Amino acid sequence: MNFNILIFFLISYFICAIPFGLLISKILNKKDIRQHGSKNIGATNVARVLGKKYGLLTLILDSFKGAITVILAKNLFALSSNYEKIVLLTAFIAVFAHIFPIYLKFKGGKGVATTIAVILAINPLVGLVVISSWLLIFAFSKISALSSLISTFIAILFAVYNQESLLQIILFVTLFILVFIRHIENISRIIHGKENKI
């Protein structure tokens, strides 16, 4: 991979590491979201602590930063012989940056909104399946973590069923593992019936 691609990856990291949940809480509400609720900077905690409109704004921005970097990669490197690898690596970097942002000493969000956004940008069909399954599971459970874990796992199953490329399936598995790791505490609370519902 050439220098331009590496620079693009670096820029993508710094864009996707922007902690919108924290910025929204501090700028619009004069609060540090890391000191309230679950202390997470993601849309769910922002919604719980500050209200739905702030949570929705966080969701949109966290999704947008992931989707836009993948869309840029698809357009900028459309003629590259490494096209698929570049796009998929960009998607991984986007989620990794959100979870491990340099601006917050690598302590970021749980990566769900960004994960779903990059999946949608890579493969709209898989993305729509993930979004639909998230909404359906959430409608019944009212538990964001459960919806996130199951829907991102469904992305893997559907990609395999739909015979997507091996690299794409590997990416979806990797993203699921990242989301799973960030939700270990939630999983424990779900098992013990202590997870907060929205």
C-alpha atoms as a PDB file:
ATOM      1  CA  MET A   1       0.000   0.000   0.000  1.00  0.00           C
ATOM      2  CA  ASN A   2       1.318   3.418  -0.926  1.00  0.00           C
ATOM      3  CA  PHE A   3       1.846   6.524   1.165  1.00  0.00           C
ATOM      4  CA  ASN A   4      -1.477   8.130   0.141  1.00  0.00           C
ATOM      5  CA  ILE A   5      -3.419   5.149   1.449  1.00  0.00           C
ATOM      6  CA  LEU A   6      -1.573   5.222   4.771  1.00  0.00           C
ATOM      7  CA  ILE A   7      -2.282   8.947   5.120  1.00  0.00           C
ATOM      8  CA  PHE A   8      -5.955   8.265   4.389  1.00  0.00           C
ATOM      9  CA  PHE A   9      -6.019   5.605   7.124  1.00  0.00           C
ATOM     10  CA  LEU A  10      -4.417   8.040   9.569  1.00  0.00           C
ATOM     11  CA  ILE A  11      -6.909  10.801   8.750  1.00  0.00           C
ATOM     12  CA  SER A  12      -9.771   8.303   9.067  1.00  0.00           C
ATOM     13  CA  TYR A  13      -8.566   7.345  12.528  1.00  0.00           C
ATOM     14  CA  PHE A  14      -8.443  10.945  13.750  1.00  0.00           C
ATOM     15  CA  ILE A  15     -11.903  11.680  12.315  1.00  0.00           C
ATOM     16  CA  CYS A  16     -13.525   8.576  13.785  1.00  0.00           C
ATOM     17  CA  ALA A  17     -11.829   9.078  17.146  1.00  0.00           C
ATOM     18  CA  ILE A  18     -13.807  12.304  17.673  1.00  0.00           C
ATOM     19  CA  PRO A  19     -15.901  11.679  20.838  1.00  0.00           C
ATOM     20  CA  PHE A  20     -19.158  13.284  19.767  1.00  0.00           C
ATOM     21  CA  GLY A  21     -21.066  12.105  22.848  1.00  0.00           C
ATOM     22  CA  LEU A  22     -18.613  13.896  25.116  1.00  0.00           C
ATOM     23  CA  LEU A  23     -18.551  17.032  22.951  1.00  0.00           C
ATOM     24  CA  ILE A  24     -22.352  17.188  22.868  1.00  0.00           C
ATOM     25  CA  SER A  25     -22.637  16.764  26.626  1.00  0.00           C
ATOM     26  CA  LYS A  26     -20.019  19.415  27.352  1.00  0.00           C
ATOM     27  CA  ILE A  27     -20.942  21.993  24.710  1.00  0.00           C
ATOM     28  CA  LEU A  28     -24.734  21.706  24.774  1.00  0.00           C
ATOM     29  CA  ASN A  29     -25.339  20.628  28.365  1.00  0.00           C
ATOM     30  CA  LYS A  30     -22.217  21.652  30.306  1.00  0.00           C
ATOM     31  CA  LYS A  31     -21.814  18.084  31.594  1.00  0.00           C
ATOM     32  CA  ASP A  32     -19.083  15.482  31.284  1.00  0.00           C
ATOM     33  CA  ILE A  33     -21.030  12.404  30.191  1.00  0.00           C
ATOM     34  CA  ARG A  34     -18.200  10.252  31.577  1.00  0.00           C
ATOM     35  CA  GLN A  35     -19.283  11.235  35.081  1.00  0.00           C
ATOM     36  CA  HIS A  36     -22.926  10.230  34.682  1.00  0.00           C
ATOM     37  CA  GLY A  37     -25.005   7.123  34.088  1.00  0.00           C
ATOM     38  CA  SER A  38     -22.906   4.255  32.751  1.00  0.00           C
ATOM     39  CA  LYS A  39     -20.082   6.788  32.199  1.00  0.00           C
ATOM     40  CA  ASN A  40     -19.955   5.789  28.531  1.00  0.00           C
ATOM     41  CA  ILE A  41     -19.745   8.400  25.764  1.00  0.00           C
ATOM     42  CA  GLY A  42     -22.116   6.535  23.450  1.00  0.00           C
ATOM     43  CA  ALA A  43     -25.600   7.483  22.290  1.00  0.00           C
ATOM     44  CA  THR A  44     -27.410   5.203  24.758  1.00  0.00           C
ATOM     45  CA  ASN A  45     -25.870   6.806  27.828  1.00  0.00           C
ATOM     46  CA  VAL A  46     -26.247  10.294  26.380  1.00  0.00           C
ATOM     47  CA  ALA A  47     -29.950   9.584  25.806  1.00  0.00           C
ATOM     48  CA  ARG A  48     -30.390   8.278  29.347  1.00  0.00           C
ATOM     49  CA  VAL A  49     -28.601  11.195  30.992  1.00  0.00           C
ATOM     50  CA  LEU A  50     -29.347  14.173  28.748  1.00  0.00           C
ATOM     51  CA  GLY A  51     -32.451  13.151  26.835  1.00  0.00           C
ATOM     52  CA  LYS A  52     -33.456  11.514  23.574  1.00  0.00           C
ATOM     53  CA  LYS A  53     -32.642  14.442  21.282  1.00  0.00           C
ATOM     54  CA  TYR A  54     -29.036  14.530  22.499  1.00  0.00           C
ATOM     55  CA  GLY A  55     -28.818  10.763  22.248  1.00  0.00           C
ATOM     56  CA  LEU A  56     -30.142  10.877  18.695  1.00  0.00           C
ATOM     57  CA  LEU A  57     -27.650  13.584  17.737  1.00  0.00           C
ATOM     58  CA  THR A  58     -24.820  11.463  19.156  1.00  0.00           C
ATOM     59  CA  LEU A  59     -26.099   8.424  17.270  1.00  0.00           C
ATOM     60  CA  ILE A  60     -26.222  10.341  13.983  1.00  0.00           C
ATOM     61  CA  LEU A  61     -22.734  11.805  14.361  1.00  0.00           C
ATOM     62  CA  ASP A  62     -21.120   8.555  15.531  1.00  0.00           C
ATOM     63  CA  SER A  63     -22.751   6.787  12.592  1.00  0.00           C
ATOM     64  CA  PHE A  64     -21.882   9.497  10.092  1.00  0.00           C
ATOM     65  CA  LYS A  65     -18.160   9.551  10.899  1.00  0.00           C
ATOM     66  CA  GLY A  66     -17.895   5.817  10.242  1.00  0.00           C
ATOM     67  CA  ALA A  67     -20.015   5.806   7.116  1.00  0.00           C
ATOM     68  CA  ILE A  68     -18.345   8.835   5.536  1.00  0.00           C
ATOM     69  CA  THR A  69     -14.829   7.429   5.845  1.00  0.00           C
ATOM     70  CA  VAL A  70     -15.889   4.147   4.225  1.00  0.00           C
ATOM     71  CA  ILE A  71     -17.743   5.996   1.446  1.00  0.00           C
ATOM     72  CA  LEU A  72     -14.669   8.148   0.837  1.00  0.00           C
ATOM     73  CA  ALA A  73     -12.494   5.053   0.661  1.00  0.00           C
ATOM     74  CA  LYS A  74     -14.863   3.460  -1.856  1.00  0.00           C
ATOM     75  CA  ASN A  75     -14.718   6.534  -4.068  1.00  0.00           C
ATOM     76  CA  LEU A  76     -11.079   7.540  -3.694  1.00  0.00           C
ATOM     77  CA  PHE A  77      -9.667   4.072  -4.242  1.00  0.00           C
ATOM     78  CA  ALA A  78     -12.254   2.627  -6.610  1.00  0.00           C
ATOM     79  CA  LEU A  79      -9.594   1.848  -9.214  1.00  0.00           C
ATOM     80  CA  SER A  80      -7.054   0.394  -6.810  1.00  0.00           C
ATOM     81  CA  SER A  81      -6.090  -3.255  -7.111  1.00  0.00           C
ATOM     82  CA  ASN A  82      -6.462  -3.400  -3.316  1.00  0.00           C
ATOM     83  CA  TYR A  83      -9.899  -1.791  -3.355  1.00  0.00           C
ATOM     84  CA  GLU A  84     -11.699  -4.258  -1.079  1.00  0.00           C
ATOM     85  CA  LYS A  85      -8.850  -4.444   1.428  1.00  0.00           C
ATOM     86  CA  ILE A  86      -8.652  -0.646   1.652  1.00  0.00           C
ATOM     87  CA  VAL A  87     -12.401  -0.260   2.185  1.00  0.00           C
ATOM     88  CA  LEU A  88     -12.566  -2.993   4.807  1.00  0.00           C
ATOM     89  CA  LEU A  89      -9.483  -1.728   6.632  1.00  0.00           C
ATOM     90  CA  THR A  90     -11.022   1.738   6.674  1.00  0.00           C
ATOM     91  CA  ALA A  91     -14.149   0.290   8.271  1.00  0.00           C
ATOM     92  CA  PHE A  92     -12.073  -1.475  10.916  1.00  0.00           C
ATOM     93  CA  ILE A  93     -10.089   1.697  11.634  1.00  0.00           C
ATOM     94  CA  ALA A  94     -13.321   3.676  12.012  1.00  0.00           C
ATOM     95  CA  VAL A  95     -14.688   1.356  14.701  1.00  0.00           C
ATOM     96  CA  PHE A  96     -11.297   0.916  16.378  1.00  0.00           C
ATOM     97  CA  ALA A  97     -10.857   4.694  16.538  1.00  0.00           C
ATOM     98  CA  HIS A  98     -14.246   5.184  18.160  1.00  0.00           C
ATOM     99  CA  ILE A  99     -13.536   2.532  20.787  1.00  0.00           C
ATOM    100  CA  PHE A 100      -9.920   3.596  21.347  1.00  0.00           C
ATOM    101  CA  PRO A 101      -9.769   7.367  20.675  1.00  0.00           C
ATOM    102  CA  ILE A 102      -6.432   9.066  21.124  1.00  0.00           C
ATOM    103  CA  TYR A 103      -8.226  12.192  22.362  1.00  0.00           C
ATOM    104  CA  LEU A 104      -9.536  10.359  25.452  1.00  0.00           C
ATOM    105  CA  LYS A 105      -6.441   8.285  26.254  1.00  0.00           C
ATOM    106  CA  PHE A 106      -7.912   5.410  24.216  1.00  0.00           C
ATOM    107  CA  LYS A 107     -11.032   5.085  26.394  1.00  0.00           C
ATOM    108  CA  GLY A 108     -13.992   5.554  24.083  1.00  0.00           C
ATOM    109  CA  GLY A 109     -17.443   4.235  23.323  1.00  0.00           C
ATOM    110  CA  LYS A 110     -18.713   0.753  22.625  1.00  0.00           C
ATOM    111  CA  GLY A 111     -18.687   1.132  18.864  1.00  0.00           C
ATOM    112  CA  VAL A 112     -22.181  -0.031  17.982  1.00  0.00           C
ATOM    113  CA  ALA A 113     -23.432   2.957  15.982  1.00  0.00           C
ATOM    114  CA  THR A 114     -20.144   3.218  14.102  1.00  0.00           C
ATOM    115  CA  THR A 115     -20.095  -0.544  13.473  1.00  0.00           C
ATOM    116  CA  ILE A 116     -23.600  -0.606  12.028  1.00  0.00           C
ATOM    117  CA  ALA A 117     -22.817   2.465   9.919  1.00  0.00           C
ATOM    118  CA  VAL A 118     -19.691   0.974   8.354  1.00  0.00           C
ATOM    119  CA  ILE A 119     -21.498  -2.292   7.656  1.00  0.00           C
ATOM    120  CA  LEU A 120     -24.269  -0.331   5.928  1.00  0.00           C
ATOM    121  CA  ALA A 121     -21.695   1.634   3.903  1.00  0.00           C
ATOM    122  CA  ILE A 122     -19.843  -1.528   2.867  1.00  0.00           C
ATOM    123  CA  ASN A 123     -22.860  -3.667   2.123  1.00  0.00           C
ATOM    124  CA  PRO A 124     -26.273  -1.933   2.238  1.00  0.00           C
ATOM    125  CA  LEU A 125     -28.168  -5.230   2.204  1.00  0.00           C
ATOM    126  CA  VAL A 126     -26.337  -6.602   5.241  1.00  0.00           C
ATOM    127  CA  GLY A 127     -26.586  -3.191   6.884  1.00  0.00           C
ATOM    128  CA  LEU A 128     -30.360  -3.079   6.485  1.00  0.00           C
ATOM    129  CA  VAL A 129     -30.647  -6.578   7.950  1.00  0.00           C
ATOM    130  CA  VAL A 130     -28.573  -5.475  10.959  1.00  0.00           C
ATOM    131  CA  ILE A 131     -30.629  -2.306  11.504  1.00  0.00           C
ATOM    132  CA  SER A 132     -33.916  -4.205  11.146  1.00  0.00           C
ATOM    133  CA  SER A 133     -32.815  -6.907  13.586  1.00  0.00           C
ATOM    134  CA  TRP A 134     -31.583  -4.286  16.080  1.00  0.00           C
ATOM    135  CA  LEU A 135     -34.925  -2.476  15.978  1.00  0.00           C
ATOM    136  CA  LEU A 136     -36.907  -5.703  16.258  1.00  0.00           C
ATOM    137  CA  ILE A 137     -34.905  -7.044  19.217  1.00  0.00           C
ATOM    138  CA  PHE A 138     -34.995  -3.673  20.941  1.00  0.00           C
ATOM    139  CA  ALA A 139     -38.759  -3.399  20.473  1.00  0.00           C
ATOM    140  CA  PHE A 140     -39.188  -6.589  22.493  1.00  0.00           C
ATOM    141  CA  SER A 141     -36.334  -6.324  25.001  1.00  0.00           C
ATOM    142  CA  LYS A 142     -35.812  -2.556  25.459  1.00  0.00           C
ATOM    143  CA  ILE A 143     -32.153  -3.471  26.085  1.00  0.00           C
ATOM    144  CA  SER A 144     -29.700  -1.669  23.798  1.00  0.00           C
ATOM    145  CA  ALA A 145     -26.738  -3.947  24.596  1.00  0.00           C
ATOM    146  CA  LEU A 146     -28.692  -7.129  23.777  1.00  0.00           C
ATOM    147  CA  SER A 147     -29.942  -5.638  20.519  1.00  0.00           C
ATOM    148  CA  SER A 148     -26.416  -4.569  19.578  1.00  0.00           C
ATOM    149  CA  LEU A 149     -24.805  -7.936  20.290  1.00  0.00           C
ATOM    150  CA  ILE A 150     -27.400 -10.024  18.484  1.00  0.00           C
ATOM    151  CA  SER A 151     -27.721  -7.719  15.459  1.00  0.00           C
ATOM    152  CA  THR A 152     -23.947  -7.502  14.876  1.00  0.00           C
ATOM    153  CA  PHE A 153     -23.756 -11.305  15.138  1.00  0.00           C
ATOM    154  CA  ILE A 154     -26.572 -11.578  12.608  1.00  0.00           C
ATOM    155  CA  ALA A 155     -24.384  -9.558  10.218  1.00  0.00           C
ATOM    156  CA  ILE A 156     -21.929 -12.467  10.213  1.00  0.00           C
ATOM    157  CA  LEU A 157     -24.617 -15.080   9.672  1.00  0.00           C
ATOM    158  CA  PHE A 158     -26.284 -13.151   6.868  1.00  0.00           C
ATOM    159  CA  ALA A 159     -22.945 -12.420   5.146  1.00  0.00           C
ATOM    160  CA  VAL A 160     -22.135 -16.142   5.189  1.00  0.00           C
ATOM    161  CA  TYR A 161     -25.630 -17.047   3.979  1.00  0.00           C
ATOM    162  CA  ASN A 162     -25.418 -14.438   1.212  1.00  0.00           C
ATOM    163  CA  GLN A 163     -21.962 -15.734   0.194  1.00  0.00           C
ATOM    164  CA  GLU A 164     -20.173 -12.434   0.671  1.00  0.00           C
ATOM    165  CA  SER A 165     -16.394 -12.349   0.301  1.00  0.00           C
ATOM    166  CA  LEU A 166     -14.210 -14.038   2.920  1.00  0.00           C
ATOM    167  CA  LEU A 167     -12.544 -10.705   3.731  1.00  0.00           C
ATOM    168  CA  GLN A 168     -15.912  -9.098   4.398  1.00  0.00           C
ATOM    169  CA  ILE A 169     -16.954 -11.963   6.674  1.00  0.00           C
ATOM    170  CA  ILE A 170     -13.634 -11.724   8.540  1.00  0.00           C
ATOM    171  CA  LEU A 171     -14.244  -8.001   9.065  1.00  0.00           C
ATOM    172  CA  PHE A 172     -17.753  -8.604  10.423  1.00  0.00           C
ATOM    173  CA  VAL A 173     -16.400 -11.257  12.805  1.00  0.00           C
ATOM    174  CA  THR A 174     -13.693  -8.844  13.962  1.00  0.00           C
ATOM    175  CA  LEU A 175     -16.197  -6.037  14.525  1.00  0.00           C
ATOM    176  CA  PHE A 176     -18.475  -8.375  16.462  1.00  0.00           C
ATOM    177  CA  ILE A 177     -15.554  -9.377  18.694  1.00  0.00           C
ATOM    178  CA  LEU A 178     -14.779  -5.706  19.394  1.00  0.00           C
ATOM    179  CA  VAL A 179     -18.412  -4.979  20.234  1.00  0.00           C
ATOM    180  CA  PHE A 180     -18.605  -8.139  22.360  1.00  0.00           C
ATOM    181  CA  ILE A 181     -15.498  -7.200  24.368  1.00  0.00           C
ATOM    182  CA  ARG A 182     -16.860  -3.698  25.013  1.00  0.00           C
ATOM    183  CA  HIS A 183     -20.132  -5.207  26.268  1.00  0.00           C
ATOM    184  CA  ILE A 184     -18.762  -7.799  28.698  1.00  0.00           C
ATOM    185  CA  GLU A 185     -20.085  -5.888  31.717  1.00  0.00           C
ATOM    186  CA  ASN A 186     -23.474  -5.512  30.010  1.00  0.00           C
ATOM    187  CA  ILE A 187     -23.562  -9.252  29.269  1.00  0.00           C
ATOM    188  CA  SER A 188     -22.961  -9.991  32.942  1.00  0.00           C
ATOM    189  CA  ARG A 189     -25.795  -7.650  33.918  1.00  0.00           C
ATOM    190  CA  ILE A 190     -28.108  -9.180  31.300  1.00  0.00           C
ATOM    191  CA  ILE A 191     -27.406 -12.682  32.633  1.00  0.00           C
ATOM    192  CA  HIS A 192     -28.188 -11.533  36.164  1.00  0.00           C
ATOM    193  CA  GLY A 193     -31.234  -9.514  35.087  1.00  0.00           C
ATOM    194  CA  LYS A 194     -29.700  -6.208  36.136  1.00  0.00           C
ATOM    195  CA  GLU A 195     -29.208  -4.511  32.778  1.00  0.00           C
ATOM    196  CA  ASN A 196     -31.005  -1.184  32.495  1.00  0.00           C
ATOM    197  CA  LYS A 197     -33.821  -0.954  29.972  1.00  0.00           C
ATOM    198  CA  ILE A 198     -34.591   2.134  27.915  1.00  0.00           C
END
